Amino acid sequence: MFFKLPWFNSLKARHDEKYRDTQVLEMDFLVDEFHDAMADIQDPMRTRLHAALISCENPKDLWFLRGKLFNLISKHHCEFVANERVARLDQKLRFFVGHHPDHSPEELPSGPMALMH
């Protein structure tokens, strides 16, 4: 009965609208998304993250910087804001590797990395 209420559908539609513009087919645009996600933060860690972004050569390198980006955003804002920004970035990364001819979706890890001994 709860799920028949009219505002549940409109909430889902608003959530889907946020990720509608995820069509990214250039690596430079992905790096720009990282910069946009941390644009309002002034911290020395931002400078180090910027240097790491410059050295990224493939989407997998960007994927592993997400954790540092999340920590930086949640330190200066809150976890909710960090989740929103990293989720947007995840959508763009997944679209990129799924539609770019030189990359495949298998490049991005889908779960936690296994420990190497």
N, C-alpha and C. Protein backbone atom coordinates (compact mmCIF):
# COMPACT_ATOMS: atom_id res chain seq x y z
N MET A 1 0.80 -1.18 0.00
CA MET A 1 0.00 0.00 0.00
C MET A 1 0.86 1.27 0.00
N PHE A 2 1.95 1.27 0.77
CA PHE A 2 2.81 2.44 0.82
C PHE A 2 3.39 2.80 -0.54
N PHE A 3 3.72 1.79 -1.33
CA PHE A 3 4.40 2.04 -2.59
C PHE A 3 3.46 2.51 -3.70
N LYS A 4 2.19 2.60 -3.41
CA LYS A 4 1.22 3.10 -4.38
C LYS A 4 1.04 4.62 -4.26
N LEU A 5 1.66 5.23 -3.26
CA LEU A 5 1.53 6.66 -3.08
C LEU A 5 2.19 7.40 -4.24
N PRO A 6 1.59 8.48 -4.71
CA PRO A 6 2.07 9.13 -5.94
C PRO A 6 3.45 9.74 -5.85
N TRP A 7 3.89 10.16 -4.67
CA TRP A 7 5.18 10.85 -4.61
C TRP A 7 6.37 9.90 -4.68
N PHE A 8 6.15 8.58 -4.54
CA PHE A 8 7.26 7.65 -4.67
C PHE A 8 7.78 7.62 -6.10
N ASN A 9 6.89 7.68 -7.07
CA ASN A 9 7.33 7.67 -8.47
C ASN A 9 8.05 8.95 -8.84
N SER A 10 7.60 10.10 -8.33
CA SER A 10 8.26 11.35 -8.68
C SER A 10 9.65 11.42 -8.05
N LEU A 11 9.83 10.85 -6.87
CA LEU A 11 11.15 10.82 -6.24
C LEU A 11 12.13 9.99 -7.06
N LYS A 12 11.68 8.86 -7.57
CA LYS A 12 12.54 8.02 -8.40
C LYS A 12 12.89 8.74 -9.70
N ALA A 13 11.93 9.46 -10.27
CA ALA A 13 12.19 10.19 -11.52
C ALA A 13 13.23 11.29 -11.28
N ARG A 14 13.14 11.99 -10.13
CA ARG A 14 14.13 13.03 -9.84
C ARG A 14 15.50 12.43 -9.62
N HIS A 15 15.57 11.24 -9.00
CA HIS A 15 16.85 10.58 -8.77
C HIS A 15 17.49 10.17 -10.10
N ASP A 16 16.67 9.67 -11.04
CA ASP A 16 17.19 9.25 -12.34
C ASP A 16 17.64 10.44 -13.19
N GLU A 17 17.02 11.61 -13.00
CA GLU A 17 17.40 12.79 -13.77
C GLU A 17 18.82 13.24 -13.47
N LYS A 18 19.29 13.01 -12.24
CA LYS A 18 20.63 13.45 -11.87
C LYS A 18 21.69 12.76 -12.71
N TYR A 19 21.43 11.53 -13.13
CA TYR A 19 22.43 10.76 -13.83
C TYR A 19 22.15 10.66 -15.33
N ARG A 20 21.28 11.51 -15.83
CA ARG A 20 20.91 11.44 -17.24
C ARG A 20 22.05 11.83 -18.17
N ASP A 21 22.92 12.73 -17.73
CA ASP A 21 23.99 13.24 -18.60
C ASP A 21 25.30 12.49 -18.37
N THR A 22 25.25 11.17 -18.41
CA THR A 22 26.44 10.38 -18.12
C THR A 22 27.19 9.93 -19.37
N GLN A 23 26.91 10.52 -20.51
CA GLN A 23 27.55 10.08 -21.73
C GLN A 23 28.93 10.72 -21.88
N VAL A 24 29.93 10.03 -21.37
CA VAL A 24 31.31 10.50 -21.42
C VAL A 24 32.11 9.50 -22.24
N LEU A 25 32.74 9.97 -23.31
CA LEU A 25 33.52 9.06 -24.15
C LEU A 25 34.97 9.49 -24.30
N GLU A 26 35.42 10.44 -23.50
CA GLU A 26 36.81 10.88 -23.52
C GLU A 26 37.38 10.82 -22.12
N MET A 27 38.60 10.34 -22.00
CA MET A 27 39.25 10.23 -20.70
C MET A 27 39.42 11.60 -20.04
N ASP A 28 39.68 12.63 -20.84
CA ASP A 28 39.84 13.98 -20.28
C ASP A 28 38.59 14.46 -19.56
N PHE A 29 37.41 14.08 -20.09
CA PHE A 29 36.17 14.47 -19.44
C PHE A 29 36.01 13.78 -18.09
N LEU A 30 36.49 12.55 -17.98
CA LEU A 30 36.45 11.86 -16.69
C LEU A 30 37.33 12.56 -15.67
N VAL A 31 38.51 12.96 -16.09
CA VAL A 31 39.41 13.69 -15.20
C VAL A 31 38.77 15.02 -14.79
N ASP A 32 38.10 15.68 -15.74
CA ASP A 32 37.39 16.92 -15.42
C ASP A 32 36.30 16.69 -14.38
N GLU A 33 35.64 15.54 -14.45
CA GLU A 33 34.61 15.21 -13.45
C GLU A 33 35.22 15.10 -12.06
N PHE A 34 36.41 14.52 -11.97
CA PHE A 34 37.10 14.47 -10.68
C PHE A 34 37.36 15.88 -10.16
N HIS A 35 37.84 16.74 -11.05
CA HIS A 35 38.12 18.12 -10.66
C HIS A 35 36.85 18.84 -10.23
N ASP A 36 35.75 18.62 -10.95
CA ASP A 36 34.48 19.25 -10.58
C ASP A 36 33.99 18.77 -9.22
N ALA A 37 34.22 17.50 -8.92
CA ALA A 37 33.76 16.95 -7.65
C ALA A 37 34.46 17.57 -6.46
N MET A 38 35.69 18.03 -6.65
CA MET A 38 36.44 18.62 -5.53
C MET A 38 36.74 20.10 -5.74
N ALA A 39 36.02 20.74 -6.64
CA ALA A 39 36.30 22.14 -7.00
C ALA A 39 36.11 23.12 -5.85
N ASP A 40 35.19 22.84 -4.95
CA ASP A 40 34.90 23.79 -3.87
C ASP A 40 35.69 23.51 -2.59
N ILE A 41 36.71 22.67 -2.69
CA ILE A 41 37.50 22.28 -1.51
C ILE A 41 38.90 22.87 -1.62
N GLN A 42 39.34 23.50 -0.56
CA GLN A 42 40.71 24.03 -0.47
C GLN A 42 41.45 23.23 0.59
N ASP A 43 42.32 22.33 0.16
CA ASP A 43 43.02 21.45 1.07
C ASP A 43 44.29 20.98 0.38
N PRO A 44 45.38 20.76 1.12
CA PRO A 44 46.61 20.24 0.49
C PRO A 44 46.40 18.87 -0.17
N MET A 45 45.47 18.09 0.37
CA MET A 45 45.18 16.77 -0.22
C MET A 45 44.61 16.93 -1.63
N ARG A 46 43.90 18.01 -1.88
CA ARG A 46 43.37 18.27 -3.21
C ARG A 46 44.52 18.42 -4.21
N THR A 47 45.59 19.10 -3.81
CA THR A 47 46.75 19.28 -4.68
C THR A 47 47.41 17.93 -5.00
N ARG A 48 47.51 17.08 -3.98
CA ARG A 48 48.10 15.75 -4.22
C ARG A 48 47.20 14.90 -5.11
N LEU A 49 45.90 15.01 -4.90
CA LEU A 49 44.96 14.26 -5.74
C LEU A 49 45.01 14.78 -7.18
N HIS A 50 45.17 16.06 -7.35
CA HIS A 50 45.32 16.65 -8.68
C HIS A 50 46.56 16.09 -9.38
N ALA A 51 47.66 15.99 -8.64
CA ALA A 51 48.90 15.43 -9.22
C ALA A 51 48.70 13.97 -9.61
N ALA A 52 47.97 13.23 -8.79
CA ALA A 52 47.71 11.82 -9.11
C ALA A 52 46.81 11.71 -10.34
N LEU A 53 45.86 12.62 -10.50
CA LEU A 53 44.98 12.60 -11.67
C LEU A 53 45.76 12.84 -12.97
N ILE A 54 46.77 13.68 -12.90
CA ILE A 54 47.57 13.97 -14.09
C ILE A 54 48.29 12.72 -14.58
N SER A 55 48.68 11.86 -13.65
CA SER A 55 49.43 10.66 -14.04
C SER A 55 48.55 9.47 -14.41
N CYS A 56 47.24 9.61 -14.33
CA CYS A 56 46.33 8.50 -14.68
C CYS A 56 46.37 8.23 -16.18
N GLU A 57 46.48 6.96 -16.53
CA GLU A 57 46.56 6.59 -17.94
C GLU A 57 45.33 5.84 -18.43
N ASN A 58 44.55 5.26 -17.52
CA ASN A 58 43.37 4.49 -17.93
C ASN A 58 42.28 4.61 -16.86
N PRO A 59 41.07 4.14 -17.16
CA PRO A 59 39.97 4.27 -16.21
C PRO A 59 40.22 3.53 -14.89
N LYS A 60 41.00 2.46 -14.95
CA LYS A 60 41.28 1.72 -13.72
C LYS A 60 42.07 2.58 -12.74
N ASP A 61 42.99 3.39 -13.25
CA ASP A 61 43.74 4.31 -12.38
C ASP A 61 42.79 5.30 -11.71
N LEU A 62 41.83 5.81 -12.47
CA LEU A 62 40.85 6.73 -11.91
C LEU A 62 39.98 6.03 -10.86
N TRP A 63 39.64 4.78 -11.14
CA TRP A 63 38.78 4.01 -10.23
C TRP A 63 39.41 3.93 -8.84
N PHE A 64 40.70 3.74 -8.80
CA PHE A 64 41.36 3.58 -7.50
C PHE A 64 41.58 4.91 -6.78
N LEU A 65 41.35 6.02 -7.43
CA LEU A 65 41.42 7.33 -6.76
C LEU A 65 40.09 7.74 -6.13
N ARG A 66 39.05 6.98 -6.41
CA ARG A 66 37.72 7.32 -5.89
C ARG A 66 37.69 7.36 -4.37
N GLY A 67 38.38 6.44 -3.73
CA GLY A 67 38.39 6.39 -2.27
C GLY A 67 39.00 7.64 -1.66
N LYS A 68 40.09 8.10 -2.25
CA LYS A 68 40.72 9.33 -1.75
C LYS A 68 39.82 10.53 -1.99
N LEU A 69 39.17 10.55 -3.14
CA LEU A 69 38.23 11.63 -3.43
C LEU A 69 37.07 11.62 -2.44
N PHE A 70 36.53 10.43 -2.17
CA PHE A 70 35.43 10.31 -1.21
C PHE A 70 35.85 10.83 0.17
N ASN A 71 37.03 10.43 0.63
CA ASN A 71 37.51 10.89 1.94
C ASN A 71 37.68 12.41 1.98
N LEU A 72 38.21 12.97 0.90
CA LEU A 72 38.41 14.41 0.84
C LEU A 72 37.07 15.16 0.90
N ILE A 73 36.11 14.71 0.12
CA ILE A 73 34.80 15.38 0.10
C ILE A 73 34.09 15.22 1.44
N SER A 74 34.11 14.02 2.01
CA SER A 74 33.40 13.81 3.28
C SER A 74 34.07 14.56 4.43
N LYS A 75 35.36 14.82 4.33
CA LYS A 75 36.06 15.60 5.35
C LYS A 75 35.59 17.05 5.35
N HIS A 76 35.34 17.60 4.16
CA HIS A 76 34.98 19.01 4.06
C HIS A 76 33.48 19.27 3.95
N HIS A 77 32.71 18.27 3.61
CA HIS A 77 31.25 18.42 3.52
C HIS A 77 30.62 17.41 4.47
N CYS A 78 30.04 16.38 3.93
CA CYS A 78 29.48 15.29 4.73
C CYS A 78 29.46 14.04 3.86
N GLU A 79 29.16 12.93 4.48
CA GLU A 79 29.19 11.65 3.76
C GLU A 79 28.13 11.61 2.66
N PHE A 80 27.00 12.23 2.89
CA PHE A 80 25.94 12.25 1.89
C PHE A 80 26.40 12.95 0.62
N VAL A 81 27.02 14.09 0.76
CA VAL A 81 27.53 14.84 -0.40
C VAL A 81 28.60 14.02 -1.11
N ALA A 82 29.48 13.39 -0.33
CA ALA A 82 30.53 12.56 -0.93
C ALA A 82 29.92 11.40 -1.71
N ASN A 83 28.89 10.76 -1.15
CA ASN A 83 28.22 9.66 -1.85
C ASN A 83 27.61 10.13 -3.16
N GLU A 84 26.96 11.29 -3.14
CA GLU A 84 26.34 11.81 -4.37
C GLU A 84 27.38 12.08 -5.45
N ARG A 85 28.46 12.74 -5.07
CA ARG A 85 29.48 13.10 -6.06
C ARG A 85 30.21 11.88 -6.60
N VAL A 86 30.54 10.94 -5.73
CA VAL A 86 31.24 9.73 -6.20
C VAL A 86 30.30 8.84 -7.00
N ALA A 87 29.01 8.81 -6.65
CA ALA A 87 28.05 8.02 -7.44
C ALA A 87 27.93 8.57 -8.85
N ARG A 88 27.93 9.88 -8.98
CA ARG A 88 27.88 10.50 -10.31
C ARG A 88 29.13 10.14 -11.11
N LEU A 89 30.26 10.17 -10.45
CA LEU A 89 31.52 9.80 -11.09
C LEU A 89 31.53 8.33 -11.49
N ASP A 90 31.00 7.47 -10.63
CA ASP A 90 30.90 6.04 -10.95
C ASP A 90 30.07 5.80 -12.21
N GLN A 91 28.94 6.51 -12.30
CA GLN A 91 28.10 6.37 -13.49
C GLN A 91 28.87 6.74 -14.76
N LYS A 92 29.61 7.81 -14.69
CA LYS A 92 30.37 8.25 -15.86
C LYS A 92 31.50 7.28 -16.19
N LEU A 93 32.17 6.76 -15.18
CA LEU A 93 33.23 5.77 -15.42
C LEU A 93 32.66 4.51 -16.06
N ARG A 94 31.55 4.02 -15.53
CA ARG A 94 30.95 2.80 -16.09
C ARG A 94 30.46 3.02 -17.51
N PHE A 95 29.87 4.17 -17.78
CA PHE A 95 29.43 4.47 -19.15
C PHE A 95 30.64 4.51 -20.09
N PHE A 96 31.71 5.16 -19.63
CA PHE A 96 32.91 5.29 -20.45
C PHE A 96 33.48 3.92 -20.83
N VAL A 97 33.69 3.05 -19.85
CA VAL A 97 34.29 1.75 -20.18
C VAL A 97 33.32 0.85 -20.92
N GLY A 98 32.02 1.07 -20.75
CA GLY A 98 31.04 0.25 -21.46
C GLY A 98 30.86 0.64 -22.91
N HIS A 99 31.19 1.87 -23.27
CA HIS A 99 30.92 2.36 -24.62
C HIS A 99 32.16 2.77 -25.41
N HIS A 100 33.30 2.79 -24.77
CA HIS A 100 34.52 3.20 -25.47
C HIS A 100 35.11 1.97 -26.16
N PRO A 101 35.53 2.09 -27.41
CA PRO A 101 36.04 0.92 -28.14
C PRO A 101 37.36 0.36 -27.59
N ASP A 102 38.13 1.16 -26.88
CA ASP A 102 39.43 0.70 -26.39
C ASP A 102 39.37 0.12 -24.97
N HIS A 103 38.22 0.19 -24.33
CA HIS A 103 38.10 -0.29 -22.95
C HIS A 103 36.92 -1.23 -22.82
N SER A 104 36.96 -2.07 -21.79
CA SER A 104 35.86 -2.99 -21.54
C SER A 104 35.41 -2.88 -20.09
N PRO A 105 34.16 -3.23 -19.80
CA PRO A 105 33.65 -3.12 -18.42
C PRO A 105 34.42 -3.99 -17.43
N GLU A 106 35.10 -5.01 -17.90
CA GLU A 106 35.87 -5.87 -17.01
C GLU A 106 37.09 -5.17 -16.41
N GLU A 107 37.45 -4.02 -16.97
CA GLU A 107 38.61 -3.28 -16.46
C GLU A 107 38.37 -2.74 -15.06
N LEU A 108 37.13 -2.37 -14.77
CA LEU A 108 36.83 -1.80 -13.46
C LEU A 108 36.48 -2.91 -12.48
N PRO A 109 37.07 -2.90 -11.31
CA PRO A 109 36.70 -3.90 -10.30
C PRO A 109 35.26 -3.68 -9.87
N SER A 110 34.55 -4.76 -9.63
CA SER A 110 33.15 -4.62 -9.22
C SER A 110 33.00 -4.75 -7.71
N GLY A 111 34.01 -5.25 -7.04
CA GLY A 111 33.93 -5.42 -5.60
C GLY A 111 35.27 -5.12 -4.97
N PRO A 112 35.40 -5.40 -3.68
CA PRO A 112 36.68 -5.14 -3.02
C PRO A 112 37.80 -5.99 -3.60
N MET A 113 38.98 -5.44 -3.59
CA MET A 113 40.14 -6.16 -4.10
C MET A 113 40.50 -7.30 -3.13
N ALA A 114 40.91 -8.42 -3.69
CA ALA A 114 41.37 -9.54 -2.86
C ALA A 114 42.77 -9.21 -2.33
N LEU A 115 43.01 -9.63 -1.13
CA LEU A 115 44.34 -9.39 -0.54
C LEU A 115 45.37 -10.28 -1.23
N MET A 116 46.50 -9.71 -1.55
CA MET A 116 47.58 -10.47 -2.16
C MET A 116 48.60 -10.85 -1.09
N HIS A 117 48.97 -12.11 -1.04
CA HIS A 117 49.98 -12.56 -0.07
C HIS A 117 51.28 -12.84 -0.76
